[in-house]
Amino acid sequence: MEVIKIKGTDDTPTVILDKESGIFEISGRSLPEDVTTFYEPILNWLDEYQEEANAKTVFSFKLVYFNTASSKLILDILMKLEEMHENGKEVLIKWFFPEDDEDMEEAGEEYADIVDVPFEQVSYTL
């Protein structure tokens, strides 16, 4: 499978999807002008990955900010991970948030309530 590596900008997150090394991460700020165009290759990659997923997938979200449009696509990613989990694969979602950022912490809690996947909240100091 091809590796997806997208270098983040002020408006788009850094994305690493690497089946071989087991690194699955979205980090930074997510407010792309065309959210669908930005996230479509990621969702397509996850569809393909699902066919032959690793025994264990740890997907890390290290976002410092995302807009409303991005939140829907993040949920789409989480739903694909939930599907993998339902199909017997081991999946863990790690939601990183700055320890003083209640909004990002709550966003993680809300996502954890929506999807039925092991979910770990991880606070860190900036």
C-alpha atoms as a PDB file:
ATOM      1  CA  MET A   1       0.000   0.000   0.000  1.00  0.00           C
ATOM      2  CA  GLU A   2       1.119   3.504  -0.727  1.00  0.00           C
ATOM      3  CA  VAL A   3       2.101   5.665   2.216  1.00  0.00           C
ATOM      4  CA  ILE A   4       0.224   8.938   2.605  1.00  0.00           C
ATOM      5  CA  LYS A   5       2.365  11.775   3.937  1.00  0.00           C
ATOM      6  CA  ILE A   6       0.884  15.245   3.810  1.00  0.00           C
ATOM      7  CA  LYS A   7       2.902  18.107   5.246  1.00  0.00           C
ATOM      8  CA  GLY A   8       0.722  20.387   7.333  1.00  0.00           C
ATOM      9  CA  THR A   9       0.147  24.074   6.652  1.00  0.00           C
ATOM     10  CA  ASP A  10      -1.586  26.821   8.637  1.00  0.00           C
ATOM     11  CA  ASP A  11      -4.921  25.468   7.364  1.00  0.00           C
ATOM     12  CA  THR A  12      -4.336  21.748   6.852  1.00  0.00           C
ATOM     13  CA  PRO A  13      -3.120  19.041   9.212  1.00  0.00           C
ATOM     14  CA  THR A  14      -0.063  16.853   8.850  1.00  0.00           C
ATOM     15  CA  VAL A  15      -1.202  13.351   7.891  1.00  0.00           C
ATOM     16  CA  ILE A  16       0.838  10.153   8.040  1.00  0.00           C
ATOM     17  CA  LEU A  17      -0.769   6.862   7.071  1.00  0.00           C
ATOM     18  CA  ASP A  18       1.897   4.159   6.910  1.00  0.00           C
ATOM     19  CA  LYS A  19       0.776   0.532   7.104  1.00  0.00           C
ATOM     20  CA  GLU A  20       4.352  -0.838   7.163  1.00  0.00           C
ATOM     21  CA  SER A  21       5.570   1.214  10.140  1.00  0.00           C
ATOM     22  CA  GLY A  22       2.153   1.197  11.831  1.00  0.00           C
ATOM     23  CA  ILE A  23       2.012   4.998  12.032  1.00  0.00           C
ATOM     24  CA  PHE A  24      -1.467   6.486  11.604  1.00  0.00           C
ATOM     25  CA  GLU A  25      -1.588  10.121  12.663  1.00  0.00           C
ATOM     26  CA  ILE A  26      -3.357  13.390  11.960  1.00  0.00           C
ATOM     27  CA  SER A  27      -1.902  16.441  13.699  1.00  0.00           C
ATOM     28  CA  GLY A  28      -1.985  20.222  13.662  1.00  0.00           C
ATOM     29  CA  ARG A  29      -4.797  22.485  12.489  1.00  0.00           C
ATOM     30  CA  SER A  30      -7.639  21.377  10.226  1.00  0.00           C
ATOM     31  CA  LEU A  31      -9.554  24.096   8.437  1.00  0.00           C
ATOM     32  CA  PRO A  32      -8.959  23.374   4.761  1.00  0.00           C
ATOM     33  CA  GLU A  33     -10.821  25.507   2.255  1.00  0.00           C
ATOM     34  CA  ASP A  34     -12.285  22.395   0.608  1.00  0.00           C
ATOM     35  CA  VAL A  35     -12.533  19.857   3.406  1.00  0.00           C
ATOM     36  CA  THR A  36     -13.973  17.102   1.189  1.00  0.00           C
ATOM     37  CA  THR A  37     -11.146  17.328  -1.342  1.00  0.00           C
ATOM     38  CA  PHE A  38      -8.553  17.282   1.450  1.00  0.00           C
ATOM     39  CA  TYR A  39      -9.969  14.294   3.344  1.00  0.00           C
ATOM     40  CA  GLU A  40     -11.176  12.183   0.406  1.00  0.00           C
ATOM     41  CA  PRO A  41      -7.778  10.498  -0.266  1.00  0.00           C
ATOM     42  CA  ILE A  42      -7.495   9.699   3.464  1.00  0.00           C
ATOM     43  CA  LEU A  43     -10.935   8.065   3.546  1.00  0.00           C
ATOM     44  CA  ASN A  44     -10.179   6.142   0.343  1.00  0.00           C
ATOM     45  CA  TRP A  45      -6.860   4.961   1.802  1.00  0.00           C
ATOM     46  CA  LEU A  46      -8.661   3.711   4.927  1.00  0.00           C
ATOM     47  CA  ASP A  47     -11.151   1.798   2.764  1.00  0.00           C
ATOM     48  CA  GLU A  48      -8.251   0.049   1.046  1.00  0.00           C
ATOM     49  CA  TYR A  49      -6.377  -0.478   4.331  1.00  0.00           C
ATOM     50  CA  GLN A  50      -9.449  -2.073   5.864  1.00  0.00           C
ATOM     51  CA  GLU A  51      -9.222  -4.927   3.345  1.00  0.00           C
ATOM     52  CA  GLU A  52      -5.889  -6.043   4.823  1.00  0.00           C
ATOM     53  CA  ALA A  53      -5.478  -4.105   8.044  1.00  0.00           C
ATOM     54  CA  ASN A  54      -2.636  -4.741  10.472  1.00  0.00           C
ATOM     55  CA  ALA A  55      -3.448  -6.950  13.462  1.00  0.00           C
ATOM     56  CA  LYS A  56      -3.428  -3.790  15.584  1.00  0.00           C
ATOM     57  CA  THR A  57      -4.075  -0.218  14.451  1.00  0.00           C
ATOM     58  CA  VAL A  58      -3.309   2.698  16.775  1.00  0.00           C
ATOM     59  CA  PHE A  59      -4.627   5.903  15.203  1.00  0.00           C
ATOM     60  CA  SER A  60      -3.460   9.151  16.821  1.00  0.00           C
ATOM     61  CA  PHE A  61      -5.231  12.479  16.576  1.00  0.00           C
ATOM     62  CA  LYS A  62      -3.005  15.354  17.700  1.00  0.00           C
ATOM     63  CA  LEU A  63      -5.099  18.266  16.542  1.00  0.00           C
ATOM     64  CA  VAL A  64      -4.819  21.684  18.144  1.00  0.00           C
ATOM     65  CA  TYR A  65      -7.790  23.080  16.241  1.00  0.00           C
ATOM     66  CA  PHE A  66     -10.394  21.949  13.725  1.00  0.00           C
ATOM     67  CA  ASN A  67     -13.395  23.697  12.202  1.00  0.00           C
ATOM     68  CA  THR A  68     -16.967  22.421  11.978  1.00  0.00           C
ATOM     69  CA  ALA A  69     -16.541  21.108   8.427  1.00  0.00           C
ATOM     70  CA  SER A  70     -13.475  19.099   9.511  1.00  0.00           C
ATOM     71  CA  SER A  71     -15.333  17.635  12.491  1.00  0.00           C
ATOM     72  CA  LYS A  72     -17.684  15.752  10.151  1.00  0.00           C
ATOM     73  CA  LEU A  73     -14.775  14.246   8.199  1.00  0.00           C
ATOM     74  CA  ILE A  74     -12.967  13.330  11.420  1.00  0.00           C
ATOM     75  CA  LEU A  75     -16.119  11.467  12.415  1.00  0.00           C
ATOM     76  CA  ASP A  76     -16.075   9.699   9.033  1.00  0.00           C
ATOM     77  CA  ILE A  77     -12.522   8.523   9.781  1.00  0.00           C
ATOM     78  CA  LEU A  78     -13.598   7.319  13.222  1.00  0.00           C
ATOM     79  CA  MET A  79     -16.542   5.433  11.709  1.00  0.00           C
ATOM     80  CA  LYS A  80     -14.162   3.582   9.366  1.00  0.00           C
ATOM     81  CA  LEU A  81     -12.019   2.657  12.373  1.00  0.00           C
ATOM     82  CA  GLU A  82     -15.153   1.468  14.173  1.00  0.00           C
ATOM     83  CA  GLU A  83     -15.991  -0.723  11.174  1.00  0.00           C
ATOM     84  CA  MET A  84     -12.519  -2.296  11.360  1.00  0.00           C
ATOM     85  CA  HIS A  85     -13.023  -2.909  15.079  1.00  0.00           C
ATOM     86  CA  GLU A  86     -16.398  -4.534  14.417  1.00  0.00           C
ATOM     87  CA  ASN A  87     -14.707  -6.786  11.857  1.00  0.00           C
ATOM     88  CA  GLY A  88     -12.444  -8.204  14.556  1.00  0.00           C
ATOM     89  CA  LYS A  89      -9.365  -6.022  14.162  1.00  0.00           C
ATOM     90  CA  GLU A  90      -7.711  -4.501  17.220  1.00  0.00           C
ATOM     91  CA  VAL A  91      -8.113  -0.718  17.009  1.00  0.00           C
ATOM     92  CA  LEU A  92      -7.122   1.981  19.488  1.00  0.00           C
ATOM     93  CA  ILE A  93      -7.800   5.680  19.005  1.00  0.00           C
ATOM     94  CA  LYS A  94      -5.511   8.063  20.867  1.00  0.00           C
ATOM     95  CA  TRP A  95      -6.888  11.581  21.192  1.00  0.00           C
ATOM     96  CA  PHE A  96      -4.137  13.993  22.240  1.00  0.00           C
ATOM     97  CA  PHE A  97      -5.049  17.434  23.566  1.00  0.00           C
ATOM     98  CA  PRO A  98      -3.194  20.264  25.314  1.00  0.00           C
ATOM     99  CA  GLU A  99      -3.904  19.913  29.048  1.00  0.00           C
ATOM    100  CA  ASP A 100      -5.382  23.429  29.255  1.00  0.00           C
ATOM    101  CA  ASP A 101      -7.629  23.032  26.201  1.00  0.00           C
ATOM    102  CA  GLU A 102     -11.064  21.988  27.437  1.00  0.00           C
ATOM    103  CA  ASP A 103     -12.617  22.274  23.956  1.00  0.00           C
ATOM    104  CA  MET A 104     -10.258  19.699  22.447  1.00  0.00           C
ATOM    105  CA  GLU A 105     -10.654  17.440  25.479  1.00  0.00           C
ATOM    106  CA  GLU A 106     -14.457  17.621  25.197  1.00  0.00           C
ATOM    107  CA  ALA A 107     -14.312  16.997  21.448  1.00  0.00           C
ATOM    108  CA  GLY A 108     -12.425  13.769  22.151  1.00  0.00           C
ATOM    109  CA  GLU A 109     -14.971  12.767  24.791  1.00  0.00           C
ATOM    110  CA  GLU A 110     -17.841  13.404  22.385  1.00  0.00           C
ATOM    111  CA  TYR A 111     -16.216  11.317  19.654  1.00  0.00           C
ATOM    112  CA  ALA A 112     -15.526   8.554  22.178  1.00  0.00           C
ATOM    113  CA  ASP A 113     -19.250   8.489  23.022  1.00  0.00           C
ATOM    114  CA  ILE A 114     -20.250   8.246  19.353  1.00  0.00           C
ATOM    115  CA  VAL A 115     -18.002   5.412  18.162  1.00  0.00           C
ATOM    116  CA  ASP A 116     -17.648   1.987  19.728  1.00  0.00           C
ATOM    117  CA  VAL A 117     -13.856   1.722  19.623  1.00  0.00           C
ATOM    118  CA  PRO A 118     -11.285   1.702  22.443  1.00  0.00           C
ATOM    119  CA  PHE A 119     -10.508   5.389  22.938  1.00  0.00           C
ATOM    120  CA  GLU A 120      -7.693   6.900  24.969  1.00  0.00           C
ATOM    121  CA  GLN A 121      -7.559  10.566  25.954  1.00  0.00           C
ATOM    122  CA  VAL A 122      -3.983  11.821  26.366  1.00  0.00           C
ATOM    123  CA  SER A 123      -3.252  15.294  27.714  1.00  0.00           C
ATOM    124  CA  TYR A 124       0.093  16.959  27.165  1.00  0.00           C
ATOM    125  CA  THR A 125       1.802  20.198  28.109  1.00  0.00           C
ATOM    126  CA  LEU A 126       2.547  22.666  25.334  1.00  0.00           C
END
